[in-house]
Amino acid sequence: MCTARPRLTSTKEWRVTYKTTAALAERLTEYLVREHSYDVPEVLVTPVIGGHQKYLEWLQDETQRE
């Protein structure tokens, strides 16, 4: 249900997960909010406190600015 408008509506929604670094999270959030069709899209940033070290290194390498 979408309650962001004065009346209740029912619509299909998608959950999308983007993986990036903390350094790029604000930039990604700004882009998603600007491009989304909702007035107030749900955008959450979840910190990673651990994980498979090789994957975390790969993610860091892949999100480096050139």
PDB file of N, CA and C in Angstrom:
ATOM      1  N   MET A   1       0.834  -1.178   0.000  1.00  0.00           N
ATOM      2  CA  MET A   1       0.000   0.000   0.000  1.00  0.00           C
ATOM      3  C   MET A   1       0.881   1.243   0.000  1.00  0.00           C
ATOM      4  N   CYS A   2       0.454   2.210  -0.710  1.00  0.00           N
ATOM      5  CA  CYS A   2       1.158   3.490  -0.751  1.00  0.00           C
ATOM      6  C   CYS A   2       0.321   4.515   0.004  1.00  0.00           C
ATOM      7  N   THR A   3       0.866   5.075   1.064  1.00  0.00           N
ATOM      8  CA  THR A   3       0.119   6.058   1.859  1.00  0.00           C
ATOM      9  C   THR A   3       0.734   7.445   1.752  1.00  0.00           C
ATOM     10  N   ALA A   4       1.661   7.640   0.841  1.00  0.00           N
ATOM     11  CA  ALA A   4       2.316   8.940   0.705  1.00  0.00           C
ATOM     12  C   ALA A   4       1.379   9.983   0.112  1.00  0.00           C
ATOM     13  N   ARG A   5       0.297   9.558  -0.478  1.00  0.00           N
ATOM     14  CA  ARG A   5      -0.684  10.470  -1.075  1.00  0.00           C
ATOM     15  C   ARG A   5      -1.910  10.541  -0.153  1.00  0.00           C
ATOM     16  N   PRO A   6      -2.804  11.517  -0.357  1.00  0.00           N
ATOM     17  CA  PRO A   6      -3.977  11.655   0.513  1.00  0.00           C
ATOM     18  C   PRO A   6      -4.885  10.430   0.548  1.00  0.00           C
ATOM     19  N   ARG A   7      -4.849   9.607  -0.470  1.00  0.00           N
ATOM     20  CA  ARG A   7      -5.720   8.422  -0.482  1.00  0.00           C
ATOM     21  C   ARG A   7      -4.851   7.172  -0.583  1.00  0.00           C
ATOM     22  N   LEU A   8      -5.403   6.050  -0.141  1.00  0.00           N
ATOM     23  CA  LEU A   8      -4.689   4.787  -0.221  1.00  0.00           C
ATOM     24  C   LEU A   8      -4.795   4.223  -1.631  1.00  0.00           C
ATOM     25  N   THR A   9      -3.699   3.707  -2.119  1.00  0.00           N
ATOM     26  CA  THR A   9      -3.693   3.041  -3.412  1.00  0.00           C
ATOM     27  C   THR A   9      -2.934   1.732  -3.282  1.00  0.00           C
ATOM     28  N   SER A  10      -3.168   0.850  -4.199  1.00  0.00           N
ATOM     29  CA  SER A  10      -2.460  -0.421  -4.219  1.00  0.00           C
ATOM     30  C   SER A  10      -1.707  -0.513  -5.532  1.00  0.00           C
ATOM     31  N   THR A  11      -0.422  -0.803  -5.445  1.00  0.00           N
ATOM     32  CA  THR A  11       0.398  -0.883  -6.643  1.00  0.00           C
ATOM     33  C   THR A  11       1.510  -1.894  -6.430  1.00  0.00           C
ATOM     34  N   LYS A  12       2.034  -2.413  -7.510  1.00  0.00           N
ATOM     35  CA  LYS A  12       3.172  -3.317  -7.407  1.00  0.00           C
ATOM     36  C   LYS A  12       4.432  -2.498  -7.196  1.00  0.00           C
ATOM     37  N   GLU A  13       5.289  -2.986  -6.337  1.00  0.00           N
ATOM     38  CA  GLU A  13       6.560  -2.330  -6.083  1.00  0.00           C
ATOM     39  C   GLU A  13       7.667  -3.356  -6.212  1.00  0.00           C
ATOM     40  N   TRP A  14       8.864  -2.871  -6.425  1.00  0.00           N
ATOM     41  CA  TRP A  14      10.042  -3.721  -6.539  1.00  0.00           C
ATOM     42  C   TRP A  14      11.027  -3.343  -5.452  1.00  0.00           C
ATOM     43  N   ARG A  15      11.691  -4.340  -4.915  1.00  0.00           N
ATOM     44  CA  ARG A  15      12.785  -4.092  -3.986  1.00  0.00           C
ATOM     45  C   ARG A  15      14.081  -4.270  -4.768  1.00  0.00           C
ATOM     46  N   VAL A  16      14.915  -3.251  -4.722  1.00  0.00           N
ATOM     47  CA  VAL A  16      16.177  -3.270  -5.441  1.00  0.00           C
ATOM     48  C   VAL A  16      17.297  -3.034  -4.435  1.00  0.00           C
ATOM     49  N   THR A  17      18.360  -3.799  -4.547  1.00  0.00           N
ATOM     50  CA  THR A  17      19.517  -3.634  -3.677  1.00  0.00           C
ATOM     51  C   THR A  17      20.696  -3.159  -4.511  1.00  0.00           C
ATOM     52  N   TYR A  18      21.254  -2.032  -4.130  1.00  0.00           N
ATOM     53  CA  TYR A  18      22.476  -1.520  -4.752  1.00  0.00           C
ATOM     54  C   TYR A  18      23.601  -1.715  -3.753  1.00  0.00           C
ATOM     55  N   LYS A  19      24.737  -2.128  -4.239  1.00  0.00           N
ATOM     56  CA  LYS A  19      25.897  -2.318  -3.371  1.00  0.00           C
ATOM     57  C   LYS A  19      26.955  -1.299  -3.767  1.00  0.00           C
ATOM     58  N   THR A  20      27.373  -0.521  -2.790  1.00  0.00           N
ATOM     59  CA  THR A  20      28.389   0.491  -3.025  1.00  0.00           C
ATOM     60  C   THR A  20      29.145   0.713  -1.725  1.00  0.00           C
ATOM     61  N   THR A  21      30.013   1.667  -1.711  1.00  0.00           N
ATOM     62  CA  THR A  21      30.776   1.966  -0.500  1.00  0.00           C
ATOM     63  C   THR A  21      30.107   3.101   0.268  1.00  0.00           C
ATOM     64  N   ALA A  22      30.498   3.261   1.529  1.00  0.00           N
ATOM     65  CA  ALA A  22      29.962   4.353   2.346  1.00  0.00           C
ATOM     66  C   ALA A  22      30.281   5.701   1.714  1.00  0.00           C
ATOM     67  N   ALA A  23      31.433   5.793   1.083  1.00  0.00           N
ATOM     68  CA  ALA A  23      31.838   7.049   0.462  1.00  0.00           C
ATOM     69  C   ALA A  23      30.924   7.460  -0.691  1.00  0.00           C
ATOM     70  N   LEU A  24      30.291   6.492  -1.340  1.00  0.00           N
ATOM     71  CA  LEU A  24      29.423   6.787  -2.486  1.00  0.00           C
ATOM     72  C   LEU A  24      27.932   6.718  -2.150  1.00  0.00           C
ATOM     73  N   ALA A  25      27.588   6.371  -0.914  1.00  0.00           N
ATOM     74  CA  ALA A  25      26.185   6.167  -0.547  1.00  0.00           C
ATOM     75  C   ALA A  25      25.345   7.430  -0.706  1.00  0.00           C
ATOM     76  N   GLU A  26      25.865   8.563  -0.297  1.00  0.00           N
ATOM     77  CA  GLU A  26      25.088   9.806  -0.406  1.00  0.00           C
ATOM     78  C   GLU A  26      24.836  10.159  -1.874  1.00  0.00           C
ATOM     79  N   ARG A  27      25.843  10.003  -2.693  1.00  0.00           N
ATOM     80  CA  ARG A  27      25.688  10.296  -4.130  1.00  0.00           C
ATOM     81  C   ARG A  27      24.642   9.379  -4.764  1.00  0.00           C
ATOM     82  N   LEU A  28      24.673   8.095  -4.419  1.00  0.00           N
ATOM     83  CA  LEU A  28      23.688   7.149  -4.947  1.00  0.00           C
ATOM     84  C   LEU A  28      22.293   7.497  -4.441  1.00  0.00           C
ATOM     85  N   THR A  29      22.168   7.836  -3.165  1.00  0.00           N
ATOM     86  CA  THR A  29      20.872   8.206  -2.597  1.00  0.00           C
ATOM     87  C   THR A  29      20.290   9.418  -3.317  1.00  0.00           C
ATOM     88  N   GLU A  30      21.099  10.436  -3.527  1.00  0.00           N
ATOM     89  CA  GLU A  30      20.627  11.635  -4.231  1.00  0.00           C
ATOM     90  C   GLU A  30      20.136  11.292  -5.632  1.00  0.00           C
ATOM     91  N   TYR A  31      20.864  10.440  -6.330  1.00  0.00           N
ATOM     92  CA  TYR A  31      20.466  10.033  -7.684  1.00  0.00           C
ATOM     93  C   TYR A  31      19.125   9.288  -7.652  1.00  0.00           C
ATOM     94  N   LEU A  32      18.991   8.325  -6.747  1.00  0.00           N
ATOM     95  CA  LEU A  32      17.762   7.532  -6.679  1.00  0.00           C
ATOM     96  C   LEU A  32      16.553   8.395  -6.353  1.00  0.00           C
ATOM     97  N   VAL A  33      16.690   9.307  -5.401  1.00  0.00           N
ATOM     98  CA  VAL A  33      15.585  10.191  -5.020  1.00  0.00           C
ATOM     99  C   VAL A  33      15.217  11.100  -6.186  1.00  0.00           C
ATOM    100  N   ARG A  34      16.207  11.628  -6.871  1.00  0.00           N
ATOM    101  CA  ARG A  34      15.953  12.537  -8.000  1.00  0.00           C
ATOM    102  C   ARG A  34      15.241  11.816  -9.151  1.00  0.00           C
ATOM    103  N   GLU A  35      15.615  10.579  -9.441  1.00  0.00           N
ATOM    104  CA  GLU A  35      15.096   9.863 -10.606  1.00  0.00           C
ATOM    105  C   GLU A  35      13.826   9.049 -10.331  1.00  0.00           C
ATOM    106  N   HIS A  36      13.491   8.815  -9.085  1.00  0.00           N
ATOM    107  CA  HIS A  36      12.339   7.967  -8.744  1.00  0.00           C
ATOM    108  C   HIS A  36      11.039   8.708  -8.989  1.00  0.00           C
ATOM    109  N   SER A  37      10.009   7.961  -9.353  1.00  0.00           N
ATOM    110  CA  SER A  37       8.710   8.571  -9.642  1.00  0.00           C
ATOM    111  C   SER A  37       7.937   8.950  -8.369  1.00  0.00           C
ATOM    112  N   TYR A  38       8.270   8.377  -7.234  1.00  0.00           N
ATOM    113  CA  TYR A  38       7.579   8.704  -5.989  1.00  0.00           C
ATOM    114  C   TYR A  38       8.072  10.045  -5.440  1.00  0.00           C
ATOM    115  N   ASP A  39       7.197  10.741  -4.736  1.00  0.00           N
ATOM    116  CA  ASP A  39       7.599  11.969  -4.057  1.00  0.00           C
ATOM    117  C   ASP A  39       8.582  11.667  -2.927  1.00  0.00           C
ATOM    118  N   VAL A  40       8.339  10.554  -2.247  1.00  0.00           N
ATOM    119  CA  VAL A  40       9.191  10.155  -1.122  1.00  0.00           C
ATOM    120  C   VAL A  40       9.534   8.669  -1.268  1.00  0.00           C
ATOM    121  N   PRO A  41      10.530   8.353  -2.098  1.00  0.00           N
ATOM    122  CA  PRO A  41      10.891   6.949  -2.263  1.00  0.00           C
ATOM    123  C   PRO A  41      11.611   6.406  -1.029  1.00  0.00           C
ATOM    124  N   GLU A  42      11.455   5.129  -0.788  1.00  0.00           N
ATOM    125  CA  GLU A  42      12.163   4.488   0.328  1.00  0.00           C
ATOM    126  C   GLU A  42      13.588   4.175  -0.123  1.00  0.00           C
ATOM    127  N   VAL A  43      14.535   4.867   0.464  1.00  0.00           N
ATOM    128  CA  VAL A  43      15.950   4.627   0.194  1.00  0.00           C
ATOM    129  C   VAL A  43      16.627   4.470   1.546  1.00  0.00           C
ATOM    130  N   LEU A  44      17.185   3.303   1.800  1.00  0.00           N
ATOM    131  CA  LEU A  44      17.839   3.014   3.068  1.00  0.00           C
ATOM    132  C   LEU A  44      19.300   2.686   2.829  1.00  0.00           C
ATOM    133  N   VAL A  45      20.163   3.149   3.710  1.00  0.00           N
ATOM    134  CA  VAL A  45      21.586   2.825   3.657  1.00  0.00           C
ATOM    135  C   VAL A  45      21.881   1.931   4.858  1.00  0.00           C
ATOM    136  N   THR A  46      22.388   0.744   4.581  1.00  0.00           N
ATOM    137  CA  THR A  46      22.684  -0.225   5.623  1.00  0.00           C
ATOM    138  C   THR A  46      24.193  -0.410   5.716  1.00  0.00           C
ATOM    139  N   PRO A  47      24.793  -0.111   6.845  1.00  0.00           N
ATOM    140  CA  PRO A  47      26.243  -0.288   6.961  1.00  0.00           C
ATOM    141  C   PRO A  47      26.622  -1.769   6.996  1.00  0.00           C
ATOM    142  N   VAL A  48      27.738  -2.068   6.402  1.00  0.00           N
ATOM    143  CA  VAL A  48      28.279  -3.428   6.430  1.00  0.00           C
ATOM    144  C   VAL A  48      29.335  -3.461   7.525  1.00  0.00           C
ATOM    145  N   ILE A  49      29.139  -4.341   8.480  1.00  0.00           N
ATOM    146  CA  ILE A  49      30.078  -4.421   9.601  1.00  0.00           C
ATOM    147  C   ILE A  49      31.025  -5.607   9.468  1.00  0.00           C
ATOM    148  N   GLY A  50      30.852  -6.381   8.421  1.00  0.00           N
ATOM    149  CA  GLY A  50      31.730  -7.521   8.194  1.00  0.00           C
ATOM    150  C   GLY A  50      31.255  -8.309   7.000  1.00  0.00           C
ATOM    151  N   GLY A  51      31.995  -9.325   6.657  1.00  0.00           N
ATOM    152  CA  GLY A  51      31.630 -10.173   5.534  1.00  0.00           C
ATOM    153  C   GLY A  51      32.845 -10.887   4.984  1.00  0.00           C
ATOM    154  N   HIS A  52      32.657 -11.537   3.871  1.00  0.00           N
ATOM    155  CA  HIS A  52      33.735 -12.258   3.203  1.00  0.00           C
ATOM    156  C   HIS A  52      34.773 -11.254   2.718  1.00  0.00           C
ATOM    157  N   GLN A  53      35.959 -11.311   3.254  1.00  0.00           N
ATOM    158  CA  GLN A  53      36.972 -10.302   3.005  1.00  0.00           C
ATOM    159  C   GLN A  53      37.282 -10.127   1.518  1.00  0.00           C
ATOM    160  N   LYS A  54      37.374 -11.220   0.783  1.00  0.00           N
ATOM    161  CA  LYS A  54      37.674 -11.118  -0.653  1.00  0.00           C
ATOM    162  C   LYS A  54      36.569 -10.361  -1.384  1.00  0.00           C
ATOM    163  N   TYR A  55      35.311 -10.600  -1.013  1.00  0.00           N
ATOM    164  CA  TYR A  55      34.206  -9.877  -1.639  1.00  0.00           C
ATOM    165  C   TYR A  55      34.274  -8.394  -1.289  1.00  0.00           C
ATOM    166  N   LEU A  56      34.526  -8.079  -0.028  1.00  0.00           N
ATOM    167  CA  LEU A  56      34.602  -6.685   0.384  1.00  0.00           C
ATOM    168  C   LEU A  56      35.733  -5.948  -0.338  1.00  0.00           C
ATOM    169  N   GLU A  57      36.849  -6.628  -0.545  1.00  0.00           N
ATOM    170  CA  GLU A  57      37.955  -6.042  -1.308  1.00  0.00           C
ATOM    171  C   GLU A  57      37.550  -5.812  -2.763  1.00  0.00           C
ATOM    172  N   TRP A  58      36.850  -6.788  -3.338  1.00  0.00           N
ATOM    173  CA  TRP A  58      36.382  -6.659  -4.720  1.00  0.00           C
ATOM    174  C   TRP A  58      35.435  -5.469  -4.851  1.00  0.00           C
ATOM    175  N   LEU A  59      34.502  -5.340  -3.917  1.00  0.00           N
ATOM    176  CA  LEU A  59      33.552  -4.229  -3.951  1.00  0.00           C
ATOM    177  C   LEU A  59      34.283  -2.896  -3.864  1.00  0.00           C
ATOM    178  N   GLN A  60      35.240  -2.806  -2.987  1.00  0.00           N
ATOM    179  CA  GLN A  60      36.029  -1.591  -2.853  1.00  0.00           C
ATOM    180  C   GLN A  60      36.750  -1.272  -4.161  1.00  0.00           C
ATOM    181  N   ASP A  61      37.355  -2.259  -4.767  1.00  0.00           N
ATOM    182  CA  ASP A  61      38.066  -2.073  -6.035  1.00  0.00           C
ATOM    183  C   ASP A  61      37.118  -1.628  -7.148  1.00  0.00           C
ATOM    184  N   GLU A  62      35.941  -2.219  -7.204  1.00  0.00           N
ATOM    185  CA  GLU A  62      34.980  -1.931  -8.280  1.00  0.00           C
ATOM    186  C   GLU A  62      34.341  -0.546  -8.166  1.00  0.00           C
ATOM    187  N   THR A  63      34.374   0.041  -6.985  1.00  0.00           N
ATOM    188  CA  THR A  63      33.719   1.334  -6.810  1.00  0.00           C
ATOM    189  C   THR A  63      34.716   2.478  -6.674  1.00  0.00           C
ATOM    190  N   GLN A  64      35.954   2.242  -6.976  1.00  0.00           N
ATOM    191  CA  GLN A  64      36.966   3.293  -6.963  1.00  0.00           C
ATOM    192  C   GLN A  64      36.705   4.244  -8.129  1.00  0.00           C
ATOM    193  N   ARG A  65      36.843   5.519  -7.889  1.00  0.00           N
ATOM    194  CA  ARG A  65      36.690   6.504  -8.966  1.00  0.00           C
ATOM    195  C   ARG A  65      37.949   6.525  -9.812  1.00  0.00           C
ATOM    196  N   GLU A  66      37.756   6.656 -11.091  1.00  0.00           N
ATOM    197  CA  GLU A  66      38.899   6.713 -12.007  1.00  0.00           C
ATOM    198  C   GLU A  66      39.220   8.130 -12.389  1.00  0.00           C
TER     199      GLU A  66
END
